Amino acid sequence: MTFRTTLAGASLGLLAALPGAAQQSENAVRFAYGQTLESPDPYFTTLRLGVILGRNVWDTLVVRNLETGEFEPLLATEWEWVDDTTLDLTLREGVTFHDGSTFEADDVVYTLSYAADPANRIVSQQVANWIESVEKTGEHSVRITTTGPTPAALEFVSSQLAIMPSDHYTGPGGTTDADLPIGTGPFRYAEYSAGGEIVLERFEDYTATDAKSAASLDRVSIRTIPDQQTQIAELLSGGLDLTMGLPKDQADQLAQMPGVEVQSGETMRIVFMQINTSDDTPNPALQDVRVRRALNHAIDKAAISENLVGEGSNTIDTVCFIDQFGCTDEGATSYPFDPDKARALLEEAGYGDGLTVELYAYRERHISEAVINYLSDVGVNVKLNFMQPAAMRDAMRAREVELAQNAWGSYSIYDLSASTPVYFGGQPDDNALDSELIETLDDAGKSMDTEERKTLYRQALQRIADEALAVPMFTLPVYYAGAEGLSYETYPDEILRFWEFSWSE
């Protein structure tokens, strides 16, 4: 299997050749993102920009090769499972943090212990809650003991567990006395302001490996520009060099312009409607399986995928990305677009005269509006609450959300444990709290038997579909556009590897 998707050429042209040339001479890239980053620390944000910055500013112990799917050395040079709950790692020597301190075993022990402690409140505890303890076995060796068999441990070690200097934090919630976050990655933070400009600069003392090269660019600046039209105007006037996440209609318009190239490709990100069926749901109608099935039948996800989302989008019937280990739609109930069936189910449930629900969303408003139109057609009146991602996450965790439009990228982890259990495994974002599902997903996450894991995950996905606990819709491609002469490669994990970027001569 090939895990990498290359956008042919990856050298996108714009009308604004002279401004692009200016950035080329400065060996810098100016990038715009549409949402405000809540924290520059990857442990305290779920925003995709935070994941991107995490990979550029920090290193992990190991890294996944997207061509082969195999794990390769990064901060660790060797690793071995001593038994089902004991992982020994040998660490790379000669690595330097951005503040000049030397990377050692104490840093790994400190960081992973901090992340694993629930009292420190990292925003996605599932990436570290499998860690029982971390101990130093030498100046450059550590032992991780897990809470139980954890077959996906290396997935988390290779993606979200960025290593900080020891004593970096001064308390829970990511509090620190450091002026700027500190890592060992190919870029270092030069400037950061919440909602303002973020500036990365090349780290001259970066320890390059076969898996991760030193940066070619000297500088990357990132601006928060919520309005897509403003991003496009800046791109065409030469104020920006790169943007991503263009809606299909705007991407199609740009693609018709001379000197502009727009590319898209499937990503791991799945779009689905999460339905609050918990005892605390603010809308008890959603506890009726007939209502939930009606919502599934009411939405023409294939039409939205083809006409609004565009090339690279594929419909899904289960809440996971098909290339993730354990993801399958085998035996899962599917709900073809059938508005008459939806109306009949609502009538049977006692809502023939109409039903009102609140939909929460934080991105792709055009998709939200399409969903609202489909639901309205079968008699479901929808109130849209469009908000910043952190605010929506907090509302979901408080069980205040009735229907949530989620776009989950699984932290770019190719294992179902990073997707379905987040929303159905008893974790903070679970708005179903189905005890059978929680037990099944927990068992799957602990089994070291590959076939048993697949069976358990299949059972969980079947139950979610049969009970219509969500409305799975489609994968979400990303459209990119960049200045003429900017060379880069894009990947299905949506990580912009700025260290690979360069300007052509």
Protein backbone atom coordinates (compact mmCIF):
# COMPACT_ATOMS: atom_id res chain seq x y z
CA MET A 1 0.00 0.00 0.00
CA THR A 2 1.20 3.52 -0.76
CA PHE A 3 0.44 6.05 1.96
CA ARG A 4 1.63 9.08 0.02
CA THR A 5 -0.22 11.10 -2.58
CA THR A 6 1.88 13.50 -4.63
CA LEU A 7 0.33 16.52 -6.26
CA ALA A 8 1.94 16.44 -9.67
CA GLY A 9 4.62 19.05 -10.03
CA ALA A 10 3.64 20.70 -6.74
CA SER A 11 4.83 23.92 -8.31
CA LEU A 12 1.83 26.23 -8.47
CA GLY A 13 1.76 29.37 -10.58
CA LEU A 14 0.12 32.72 -9.93
CA LEU A 15 -0.19 35.99 -11.77
CA ALA A 16 1.90 37.75 -9.13
CA ALA A 17 5.32 36.66 -10.36
CA LEU A 18 7.28 39.64 -9.06
CA PRO A 19 6.17 39.37 -5.40
CA GLY A 20 6.91 35.65 -5.58
CA ALA A 21 10.36 36.48 -6.86
CA ALA A 22 10.85 38.82 -3.90
CA GLN A 23 10.12 35.99 -1.48
CA GLN A 24 12.38 33.74 -3.50
CA SER A 25 15.25 36.17 -3.00
CA GLU A 26 14.53 36.23 0.74
CA ASN A 27 14.14 32.42 0.81
CA ALA A 28 10.88 32.81 2.73
CA VAL A 29 7.27 31.69 2.43
CA ARG A 30 4.16 33.56 3.57
CA PHE A 31 1.25 31.24 4.39
CA ALA A 32 -2.34 32.00 5.43
CA TYR A 33 -4.64 29.90 7.59
CA GLY A 34 -8.33 30.48 8.20
CA GLN A 35 -8.69 29.67 11.89
CA THR A 36 -7.13 31.13 15.01
CA LEU A 37 -4.56 28.90 16.70
CA GLU A 38 -5.53 28.52 20.36
CA SER A 39 -2.00 27.58 21.48
CA PRO A 40 1.44 27.30 19.84
CA ASP A 41 1.98 24.09 21.83
CA PRO A 42 0.83 20.93 19.96
CA TYR A 43 -0.36 19.37 23.21
CA PHE A 44 -2.88 22.15 23.74
CA THR A 45 -4.64 22.49 20.40
CA THR A 46 -6.60 20.19 18.10
CA LEU A 47 -6.42 22.60 15.15
CA ARG A 48 -4.73 21.29 12.01
CA LEU A 49 -2.37 24.29 12.01
CA GLY A 50 -1.20 23.18 15.44
CA VAL A 51 -0.45 19.70 14.08
CA ILE A 52 1.48 21.25 11.16
CA LEU A 53 3.53 23.45 13.48
CA GLY A 54 4.09 20.51 15.78
CA ARG A 55 5.85 18.53 13.04
CA ASN A 56 7.96 21.51 11.90
CA VAL A 57 9.09 22.77 15.31
CA TRP A 58 9.36 19.46 17.17
CA ASP A 59 10.60 15.95 16.55
CA THR A 60 9.05 12.71 17.75
CA LEU A 61 10.90 9.59 18.83
CA VAL A 62 10.09 7.74 15.62
CA VAL A 63 8.41 8.69 12.35
CA ARG A 64 6.24 6.82 9.87
CA ASN A 65 7.51 6.43 6.31
CA LEU A 66 4.46 7.30 4.22
CA GLU A 67 5.72 5.29 1.25
CA THR A 68 6.20 2.01 3.11
CA GLY A 69 4.03 2.50 6.18
CA GLU A 70 7.00 1.45 8.32
CA PHE A 71 8.36 3.31 11.35
CA GLU A 72 11.81 4.87 11.06
CA PRO A 73 14.27 6.38 13.58
CA LEU A 74 14.10 10.06 14.51
CA LEU A 75 14.94 11.03 18.11
CA ALA A 76 15.19 7.33 18.86
CA THR A 77 17.59 5.19 16.88
CA GLU A 78 16.38 1.78 18.04
CA TRP A 79 13.35 0.36 19.88
CA GLU A 80 12.18 -3.02 21.05
CA TRP A 81 9.07 -4.43 22.67
CA VAL A 82 10.39 -6.40 25.64
CA ASP A 83 6.88 -7.72 26.24
CA ASP A 84 3.32 -6.56 25.50
CA THR A 85 3.59 -3.64 27.94
CA THR A 86 7.27 -2.70 27.89
CA LEU A 87 8.92 -0.63 25.15
CA ASP A 88 12.67 0.10 25.32
CA LEU A 89 14.17 2.88 23.19
CA THR A 90 17.73 3.99 22.48
CA LEU A 91 17.97 7.74 21.88
CA ARG A 92 19.95 9.71 19.32
CA GLU A 93 23.03 11.50 20.64
CA GLY A 94 24.21 14.96 19.61
CA VAL A 95 20.73 16.49 19.26
CA THR A 96 20.24 20.10 20.37
CA PHE A 97 17.11 21.96 21.47
CA HIS A 98 16.38 25.41 20.09
CA ASP A 99 17.56 26.98 23.34
CA GLY A 100 20.97 25.29 23.03
CA SER A 101 20.37 22.59 25.63
CA THR A 102 21.25 18.97 24.85
CA PHE A 103 18.57 16.37 24.20
CA GLU A 104 18.81 13.52 26.72
CA ALA A 105 16.73 10.77 28.29
CA ASP A 106 15.49 13.15 31.02
CA ASP A 107 13.64 15.16 28.37
CA VAL A 108 11.72 12.11 27.13
CA VAL A 109 10.86 10.98 30.65
CA TYR A 110 9.68 14.47 31.56
CA THR A 111 7.61 15.13 28.43
CA LEU A 112 5.83 11.80 28.22
CA SER A 113 5.15 11.76 31.96
CA TYR A 114 3.67 15.24 31.75
CA ALA A 115 1.47 14.35 28.77
CA ALA A 116 0.26 11.11 30.37
CA ASP A 117 -0.83 12.78 33.62
CA PRO A 118 -4.55 13.73 33.30
CA ALA A 119 -3.99 16.54 35.80
CA ASN A 120 -1.99 18.42 33.15
CA ARG A 121 -5.04 18.52 30.85
CA ILE A 122 -3.56 18.09 27.38
CA VAL A 123 -6.49 18.53 25.01
CA SER A 124 -6.42 15.02 23.52
CA GLN A 125 -5.59 12.76 26.43
CA GLN A 126 -6.02 9.66 24.27
CA VAL A 127 -2.62 10.23 22.64
CA ALA A 128 -0.88 9.57 25.98
CA ASN A 129 -3.33 7.86 28.34
CA TRP A 130 -1.87 4.45 27.44
CA ILE A 131 1.41 5.37 29.19
CA GLU A 132 1.72 3.98 32.72
CA SER A 133 5.25 5.23 33.39
CA VAL A 134 8.49 6.33 31.72
CA GLU A 135 11.88 5.69 33.25
CA LYS A 136 15.45 6.55 32.35
CA THR A 137 17.63 3.49 31.75
CA GLY A 138 20.71 5.42 30.66
CA GLU A 139 21.76 8.89 29.50
CA HIS A 140 20.34 8.04 26.09
CA SER A 141 17.86 5.26 26.74
CA VAL A 142 14.36 5.05 28.21
CA ARG A 143 11.72 2.48 29.02
CA ILE A 144 8.00 3.12 28.47
CA THR A 145 5.62 0.91 30.44
CA THR A 146 2.05 0.90 29.16
CA THR A 147 -1.19 0.56 31.12
CA GLY A 148 -1.88 -2.62 29.16
CA PRO A 149 -1.21 -4.06 25.70
CA THR A 150 -1.20 -1.07 23.33
CA PRO A 151 -0.84 -2.15 19.70
CA ALA A 152 -1.08 1.44 18.44
CA ALA A 153 1.62 2.81 20.75
CA LEU A 154 4.14 3.53 17.98
CA GLU A 155 1.44 5.37 16.03
CA PHE A 156 1.15 7.90 18.85
CA VAL A 157 4.90 7.97 19.49
CA SER A 158 5.48 8.78 15.80
CA SER A 159 2.90 11.55 15.51
CA GLN A 160 1.64 13.50 18.50
CA LEU A 161 4.18 12.94 21.26
CA ALA A 162 6.53 15.85 20.56
CA ILE A 163 9.49 16.00 22.95
CA MET A 164 10.05 19.14 25.06
CA PRO A 165 13.04 20.07 27.22
CA SER A 166 12.82 18.80 30.80
CA ASP A 167 11.12 21.24 33.18
CA HIS A 168 9.60 23.14 30.22
CA TYR A 169 6.21 23.42 31.91
CA THR A 170 5.62 25.17 35.20
CA GLY A 171 2.16 23.73 35.80
CA PRO A 172 -0.90 22.12 34.23
CA GLY A 173 -2.57 23.39 31.08
CA GLY A 174 0.73 24.03 29.33
CA THR A 175 1.84 26.93 31.51
CA THR A 176 5.51 27.76 30.97
CA ASP A 177 8.02 30.50 31.64
CA ALA A 178 9.57 30.11 28.16
CA ASP A 179 9.07 33.14 25.94
CA LEU A 180 8.43 30.87 22.94
CA PRO A 181 7.90 27.11 22.61
CA ILE A 182 11.10 25.05 22.34
CA GLY A 183 11.69 21.91 20.30
CA THR A 184 14.38 20.11 18.34
CA GLY A 185 12.76 20.44 14.90
CA PRO A 186 14.07 21.97 11.65
CA PHE A 187 12.30 25.29 12.44
CA ARG A 188 12.17 27.31 15.62
CA TYR A 189 9.60 29.88 16.76
CA ALA A 190 10.83 33.43 16.12
CA GLU A 191 7.51 35.19 16.82
CA TYR A 192 4.08 34.19 18.08
CA SER A 193 1.00 36.20 18.95
CA ALA A 194 -2.45 34.72 19.51
CA GLY A 195 -4.55 35.46 16.43
CA GLY A 196 -1.65 37.37 14.88
CA GLU A 197 1.44 36.48 12.93
CA ILE A 198 3.49 33.37 13.62
CA VAL A 199 7.07 33.37 12.36
CA LEU A 200 9.31 30.34 12.08
CA GLU A 201 12.99 30.53 11.25
CA ARG A 202 15.39 27.82 10.16
CA PHE A 203 17.18 26.09 13.05
CA GLU A 204 20.81 26.12 12.01
CA ASP A 205 21.85 23.34 14.41
CA TYR A 206 19.15 20.88 13.40
CA THR A 207 20.25 17.23 13.44
CA ALA A 208 19.07 15.96 10.05
CA THR A 209 18.32 12.27 9.49
CA ASP A 210 17.30 10.11 6.55
CA ALA A 211 13.71 10.48 7.74
CA LYS A 212 13.70 14.27 8.24
CA SER A 213 15.99 16.71 6.47
CA ALA A 214 17.16 20.15 7.52
CA ALA A 215 15.10 23.10 6.27
CA SER A 216 15.87 24.78 2.96
CA LEU A 217 13.81 27.88 3.70
CA ASP A 218 15.14 30.55 6.03
CA ARG A 219 11.75 31.75 7.19
CA VAL A 220 8.04 30.91 7.23
CA SER A 221 5.43 33.45 8.28
CA ILE A 222 1.84 32.43 9.01
CA ARG A 223 -1.08 34.84 9.20
CA THR A 224 -4.62 34.17 10.40
CA ILE A 225 -7.00 35.29 7.63
CA PRO A 226 -10.50 33.88 8.30
CA ASP A 227 -12.05 35.15 5.07
CA GLN A 228 -11.24 32.95 2.07
CA GLN A 229 -11.81 35.76 -0.43
CA THR A 230 -9.27 37.89 1.40
CA GLN A 231 -6.77 35.04 1.24
CA ILE A 232 -7.28 34.74 -2.51
CA ALA A 233 -6.97 38.50 -3.02
CA GLU A 234 -3.72 38.52 -1.04
CA LEU A 235 -2.45 35.56 -3.04
CA LEU A 236 -3.14 37.25 -6.36
CA SER A 237 -1.71 40.59 -5.27
CA GLY A 238 1.51 38.99 -4.05
CA GLY A 239 0.86 39.36 -0.32
CA LEU A 240 0.87 35.60 0.19
CA ASP A 241 2.76 32.68 -1.30
CA LEU A 242 0.58 29.77 -0.20
CA THR A 243 -2.93 28.96 0.93
CA MET A 244 -4.79 25.72 1.54
CA GLY A 245 -8.35 24.58 2.15
CA LEU A 246 -9.98 26.42 -0.74
CA PRO A 247 -13.66 25.57 -1.30
CA LYS A 248 -14.32 23.82 -4.60
CA ASP A 249 -16.13 26.74 -6.25
CA GLN A 250 -13.32 29.17 -5.51
CA ALA A 251 -10.69 26.63 -6.50
CA ASP A 252 -12.51 26.08 -9.80
CA GLN A 253 -12.53 29.83 -10.49
CA LEU A 254 -8.81 30.15 -9.73
CA ALA A 255 -8.04 27.19 -11.95
CA GLN A 256 -9.46 29.07 -14.95
CA MET A 257 -7.11 32.02 -14.54
CA PRO A 258 -3.92 32.25 -16.60
CA GLY A 259 -0.87 31.39 -14.56
CA VAL A 260 -2.83 29.79 -11.72
CA GLU A 261 -2.66 26.10 -10.91
CA VAL A 262 -4.91 24.51 -8.32
CA GLN A 263 -4.54 20.92 -7.18
CA SER A 264 -6.54 18.71 -4.85
CA GLY A 265 -6.17 15.29 -3.33
CA GLU A 266 -7.88 13.01 -0.85
CA THR A 267 -6.79 13.32 2.77
CA MET A 268 -7.36 11.24 5.89
CA ARG A 269 -9.92 13.79 7.09
CA ILE A 270 -13.48 12.50 7.34
CA VAL A 271 -16.62 14.62 7.62
CA PHE A 272 -19.47 13.24 9.70
CA MET A 273 -22.40 14.44 11.77
CA GLN A 274 -22.12 13.42 15.40
CA ILE A 275 -25.49 12.94 17.11
CA ASN A 276 -25.83 13.54 20.85
CA THR A 277 -27.75 10.52 22.16
CA SER A 278 -26.44 10.69 25.73
CA ASP A 279 -28.67 11.01 28.79
CA ASP A 280 -27.63 14.67 28.87
CA THR A 281 -28.65 15.44 25.29
CA PRO A 282 -30.39 18.81 25.00
CA ASN A 283 -32.70 17.28 22.36
CA PRO A 284 -34.34 14.01 23.54
CA ALA A 285 -35.75 13.41 20.04
CA LEU A 286 -32.23 12.33 19.03
CA GLN A 287 -32.45 9.37 21.38
CA ASP A 288 -35.00 7.82 19.01
CA VAL A 289 -33.21 5.61 16.48
CA ARG A 290 -35.93 6.36 13.92
CA VAL A 291 -35.06 10.06 14.06
CA ARG A 292 -31.36 9.30 13.67
CA ARG A 293 -32.01 7.02 10.71
CA ALA A 294 -34.15 9.74 9.17
CA LEU A 295 -31.26 12.19 9.41
CA ASN A 296 -29.05 9.68 7.59
CA HIS A 297 -31.55 9.09 4.79
CA ALA A 298 -32.26 12.83 4.39
CA ILE A 299 -28.76 13.92 3.34
CA ASP A 300 -27.46 13.26 -0.18
CA LYS A 301 -23.82 12.88 0.81
CA ALA A 302 -22.81 11.71 -2.68
CA ALA A 303 -24.15 14.92 -4.24
CA ILE A 304 -22.41 17.10 -1.66
CA SER A 305 -19.18 15.16 -2.13
CA GLU A 306 -19.24 15.45 -5.92
CA ASN A 307 -20.64 18.94 -6.39
CA LEU A 308 -19.46 20.91 -3.36
CA VAL A 309 -16.40 19.09 -2.05
CA GLY A 310 -14.89 17.99 -5.35
CA GLU A 311 -12.16 15.81 -6.74
CA GLY A 312 -10.50 13.56 -4.18
CA SER A 313 -13.61 13.23 -2.00
CA ASN A 314 -15.15 9.80 -1.45
CA THR A 315 -18.31 8.93 0.47
CA ILE A 316 -18.01 6.84 3.63
CA ASP A 317 -20.44 4.61 5.53
CA THR A 318 -18.47 4.28 8.77
CA VAL A 319 -16.73 6.79 11.02
CA CYS A 320 -13.10 6.18 10.02
CA PHE A 321 -10.68 6.59 7.11
CA ILE A 322 -10.50 3.46 4.98
CA ASP A 323 -6.69 3.21 5.00
CA GLN A 324 -6.56 3.16 8.79
CA PHE A 325 -5.93 -0.20 10.38
CA GLY A 326 -9.29 -1.63 11.46
CA CYS A 327 -11.47 0.62 9.32
CA THR A 328 -14.10 -1.24 7.30
CA ASP A 329 -17.69 -0.87 6.17
CA GLU A 330 -18.19 -4.64 5.99
CA GLY A 331 -21.57 -5.56 7.42
CA ALA A 332 -22.38 -1.97 8.39
CA THR A 333 -25.86 -0.62 7.65
CA SER A 334 -25.82 1.99 4.90
CA TYR A 335 -28.41 4.69 4.45
CA PRO A 336 -28.99 5.63 0.80
CA PHE A 337 -30.41 9.05 0.07
CA ASP A 338 -34.17 8.61 0.42
CA PRO A 339 -36.10 11.69 1.56
CA ASP A 340 -39.43 9.84 1.45
CA LYS A 341 -38.05 7.22 3.84
CA ALA A 342 -36.76 10.01 6.06
CA ARG A 343 -40.19 11.66 6.21
CA ALA A 344 -41.85 8.33 6.98
CA LEU A 345 -39.43 7.60 9.82
CA LEU A 346 -40.01 11.06 11.32
CA GLU A 347 -43.77 10.54 11.05
CA GLU A 348 -43.46 7.16 12.77
CA ALA A 349 -41.41 8.74 15.55
CA GLY A 350 -44.08 11.37 16.14
CA TYR A 351 -42.40 14.27 14.33
CA GLY A 352 -44.50 14.39 11.20
CA ASP A 353 -45.31 18.03 11.90
CA GLY A 354 -41.65 18.95 12.08
CA LEU A 355 -38.55 18.71 14.25
CA THR A 356 -36.06 21.40 15.30
CA VAL A 357 -32.37 20.68 15.89
CA GLU A 358 -29.26 22.79 16.43
CA LEU A 359 -26.24 22.10 14.24
CA TYR A 360 -22.79 23.15 15.46
CA ALA A 361 -19.94 23.60 12.99
CA TYR A 362 -16.55 25.32 12.81
CA ARG A 363 -15.41 24.88 9.19
CA GLU A 364 -16.79 24.28 5.66
CA ARG A 365 -19.87 26.43 6.17
CA HIS A 366 -20.99 25.67 2.61
CA ILE A 367 -21.31 22.01 3.60
CA SER A 368 -23.34 22.99 6.67
CA GLU A 369 -25.70 25.00 4.49
CA ALA A 370 -26.18 22.09 2.10
CA VAL A 371 -26.95 19.76 5.01
CA ILE A 372 -29.46 22.27 6.37
CA ASN A 373 -31.23 22.42 3.00
CA TYR A 374 -31.53 18.63 2.80
CA LEU A 375 -32.85 18.37 6.36
CA SER A 376 -35.29 21.20 5.80
CA ASP A 377 -36.70 19.34 2.80
CA VAL A 378 -37.85 16.47 5.05
CA GLY A 379 -39.27 18.70 7.79
CA VAL A 380 -36.25 19.19 10.06
CA ASN A 381 -35.69 22.84 10.95
CA VAL A 382 -32.03 23.50 11.67
CA LYS A 383 -30.45 26.35 13.64
CA LEU A 384 -26.76 26.75 12.73
CA ASN A 385 -24.22 27.67 15.40
CA PHE A 386 -20.96 28.42 13.56
CA MET A 387 -18.05 29.03 15.92
CA GLN A 388 -14.33 28.74 16.56
CA PRO A 389 -13.10 25.14 16.95
CA ALA A 390 -12.07 25.44 20.61
CA ALA A 391 -15.48 26.83 21.56
CA MET A 392 -17.26 24.02 19.72
CA ARG A 393 -15.02 21.41 21.34
CA ASP A 394 -15.80 22.80 24.80
CA ALA A 395 -19.54 22.78 24.06
CA MET A 396 -19.36 19.18 22.85
CA ARG A 397 -17.50 18.10 25.97
CA ALA A 398 -20.15 19.81 28.09
CA ARG A 399 -22.82 17.75 26.22
CA GLU A 400 -24.44 20.98 25.03
CA VAL A 401 -24.31 20.12 21.31
CA GLU A 402 -27.22 18.35 19.62
CA LEU A 403 -25.73 17.73 16.18
CA ALA A 404 -22.07 18.43 15.38
CA GLN A 405 -20.45 18.69 11.96
CA ASN A 406 -17.01 17.25 12.57
CA ALA A 407 -14.03 17.05 10.22
CA TRP A 408 -11.59 14.72 11.93
CA GLY A 409 -8.09 14.07 10.62
CA SER A 410 -7.08 11.52 13.29
CA TYR A 411 -3.87 13.46 13.98
CA SER A 412 -2.68 11.77 10.76
CA ILE A 413 -2.50 8.41 12.53
CA TYR A 414 -3.11 5.32 10.40
CA ASP A 415 -4.91 3.35 13.08
CA LEU A 416 -8.62 3.35 13.90
CA SER A 417 -7.79 3.90 17.57
CA ALA A 418 -7.13 7.54 16.64
CA SER A 419 -10.55 8.07 15.07
CA THR A 420 -13.66 6.11 16.12
CA PRO A 421 -12.86 5.78 19.87
CA VAL A 422 -12.37 9.54 20.13
CA TYR A 423 -16.11 9.99 19.54
CA PHE A 424 -17.54 6.63 20.69
CA GLY A 425 -15.04 5.17 23.17
CA GLY A 426 -15.95 7.04 26.33
CA GLN A 427 -13.43 9.83 25.74
CA PRO A 428 -14.31 13.52 26.35
CA ASP A 429 -15.79 14.01 22.85
CA ASP A 430 -18.11 10.98 23.15
CA ASN A 431 -21.71 12.21 22.99
CA ALA A 432 -23.24 8.72 22.80
CA LEU A 433 -21.69 7.06 25.88
CA ASP A 434 -22.86 3.65 24.68
CA SER A 435 -21.46 1.17 27.23
CA GLU A 436 -21.30 -1.70 24.71
CA LEU A 437 -19.36 0.44 22.24
CA ILE A 438 -16.99 1.70 24.91
CA GLU A 439 -16.20 -1.85 26.02
CA THR A 440 -15.70 -3.14 22.46
CA LEU A 441 -13.44 -0.27 21.45
CA ASP A 442 -11.48 -0.55 24.68
CA ASP A 443 -10.91 -4.27 24.09
CA ALA A 444 -9.79 -3.58 20.51
CA GLY A 445 -7.34 -0.96 21.69
CA LYS A 446 -5.68 -3.42 24.08
CA SER A 447 -5.49 -6.55 21.95
CA MET A 448 -2.13 -7.44 20.44
CA ASP A 449 -3.87 -9.98 18.18
CA THR A 450 -4.26 -8.35 14.76
CA GLU A 451 -7.25 -10.40 13.65
CA GLU A 452 -9.03 -9.96 16.98
CA ARG A 453 -8.57 -6.19 16.73
CA LYS A 454 -10.04 -6.17 13.24
CA THR A 455 -13.04 -8.21 14.41
CA LEU A 456 -13.71 -5.96 17.39
CA TYR A 457 -13.40 -2.78 15.36
CA ARG A 458 -15.75 -4.22 12.74
CA GLN A 459 -18.30 -4.99 15.47
CA ALA A 460 -18.05 -1.45 16.85
CA LEU A 461 -18.46 0.15 13.43
CA GLN A 462 -21.46 -2.07 12.71
CA ARG A 463 -23.12 -1.02 15.96
CA ILE A 464 -22.55 2.67 15.27
CA ALA A 465 -24.10 2.24 11.82
CA ASP A 466 -26.99 0.01 12.92
CA GLU A 467 -27.93 2.41 15.71
CA ALA A 468 -27.35 5.43 13.42
CA LEU A 469 -25.27 7.14 16.11
CA ALA A 470 -23.69 9.36 13.46
CA VAL A 471 -24.12 10.44 9.84
CA PRO A 472 -20.88 9.41 8.06
CA MET A 473 -20.52 11.52 4.91
CA PHE A 474 -17.23 11.72 2.99
CA THR A 475 -13.51 12.31 2.99
CA LEU A 476 -12.39 15.89 2.64
CA PRO A 477 -9.79 16.77 0.00
CA VAL A 478 -7.64 19.85 0.28
CA TYR A 479 -7.12 22.41 -2.48
CA TYR A 480 -3.77 24.22 -2.49
CA ALA A 481 -2.49 27.23 -4.42
CA GLY A 482 0.94 28.81 -4.21
CA ALA A 483 3.23 31.36 -5.85
CA GLU A 484 5.08 30.62 -9.06
CA GLY A 485 8.42 28.96 -8.40
CA LEU A 486 7.46 27.55 -5.00
CA SER A 487 8.23 23.83 -4.95
CA TYR A 488 6.71 21.54 -2.35
CA GLU A 489 4.95 18.24 -1.94
CA THR A 490 1.61 17.60 -0.28
CA TYR A 491 0.51 14.49 1.58
CA PRO A 492 -2.77 12.83 2.58
CA ASP A 493 -1.94 13.47 6.24
CA GLU A 494 -2.34 17.25 5.60
CA ILE A 495 1.06 18.03 7.10
CA LEU A 496 2.85 20.86 5.34
CA ARG A 497 6.47 19.83 5.67
CA PHE A 498 7.97 23.30 5.39
CA TRP A 499 11.45 21.83 5.76
CA GLU A 500 10.99 20.27 2.30
CA PHE A 501 9.85 23.55 0.64
CA SER A 502 12.16 25.43 -1.71
CA TRP A 503 12.11 28.08 -4.42
CA SER A 504 13.09 26.94 -7.88
CA GLU A 505 15.94 28.85 -9.52
